[in-house]
Amino acid sequence: MSINKDQVKGSIKDLGGKVQAATGKLLGDQQQQIDGLTNQVKGKAQKGLGDLKGAVSDLKEIVSE
């Protein structure tokens, strides 16, 4: 299975959200923490979509053989 852009972008967004949430916690900024957690969820969802696209692509290759 190859890596697609949704998997990469989702992983980056998730990581950025983790950093953002940790920064918010360190600074005592609750809104920053919430935004970070929101970005983590969005990143995980985007990565999941990329995983699904990859699985469908792999399945198409198997069926066409």
Protein backbone atom coordinates (compact mmCIF):
# COMPACT_ATOMS: atom_id res chain seq x y z
CA MET A 1 0.00 0.00 0.00
CA SER A 2 1.40 3.37 -0.93
CA ILE A 3 1.04 6.51 1.13
CA ASN A 4 -1.33 9.17 -0.21
CA LYS A 5 -1.57 12.88 0.50
CA ASP A 6 -4.54 12.55 2.87
CA GLN A 7 -2.54 10.19 5.08
CA VAL A 8 0.40 12.61 5.17
CA LYS A 9 -1.68 15.77 5.67
CA GLY A 10 -3.77 14.05 8.33
CA SER A 11 -0.71 12.90 10.26
CA ILE A 12 0.80 16.39 10.10
CA LYS A 13 -2.47 18.00 11.26
CA ASP A 14 -2.71 15.50 14.14
CA LEU A 15 0.86 16.21 15.21
CA GLY A 16 0.31 19.97 14.96
CA GLY A 17 -2.80 19.62 17.09
CA LYS A 18 -0.83 17.74 19.74
CA VAL A 19 1.75 20.52 19.86
CA GLN A 20 -0.99 23.16 19.96
CA ALA A 21 -2.85 21.41 22.80
CA ALA A 22 0.36 20.94 24.80
CA THR A 23 1.26 24.60 24.32
CA GLY A 24 -2.19 25.64 25.46
CA LYS A 25 -1.90 23.44 28.55
CA LEU A 26 1.53 24.84 29.34
CA LEU A 27 0.31 28.43 28.99
CA GLY A 28 -3.01 27.80 30.73
CA ASP A 29 -4.90 28.76 27.56
CA GLN A 30 -8.00 26.59 27.47
CA GLN A 31 -9.08 27.77 24.00
CA GLN A 32 -5.67 26.83 22.59
CA GLN A 33 -6.06 23.37 24.12
CA ILE A 34 -9.52 22.97 22.58
CA ASP A 35 -8.27 24.11 19.18
CA GLY A 36 -5.39 21.65 19.43
CA LEU A 37 -7.68 18.76 20.30
CA THR A 38 -9.99 19.74 17.45
CA ASN A 39 -7.07 19.68 15.02
CA GLN A 40 -6.06 16.26 16.33
CA VAL A 41 -9.54 14.90 15.59
CA LYS A 42 -9.54 16.49 12.12
CA GLY A 43 -6.09 15.06 11.42
CA LYS A 44 -7.07 11.56 12.53
CA ALA A 45 -10.21 11.75 10.37
CA GLN A 46 -8.22 12.88 7.33
CA LYS A 47 -5.65 10.13 7.86
CA GLY A 48 -8.49 7.61 8.19
CA LEU A 49 -9.91 8.82 4.89
CA GLY A 50 -6.48 8.38 3.33
CA ASP A 51 -6.24 4.87 4.76
CA LEU A 52 -9.64 4.04 3.28
CA LYS A 53 -8.65 5.44 -0.12
CA GLY A 54 -5.49 3.35 0.00
CA ALA A 55 -7.42 0.20 0.86
CA VAL A 56 -9.87 0.78 -1.99
CA SER A 57 -6.98 1.37 -4.39
CA ASP A 58 -5.31 -1.85 -3.26
CA LEU A 59 -8.58 -3.73 -3.64
CA LYS A 60 -9.00 -2.38 -7.19
CA GLU A 61 -5.52 -3.67 -8.06
CA ILE A 62 -6.31 -7.13 -6.68
CA VAL A 63 -9.65 -7.33 -8.50
CA SER A 64 -8.16 -6.22 -11.82
CA GLU A 65 -5.48 -8.93 -11.75
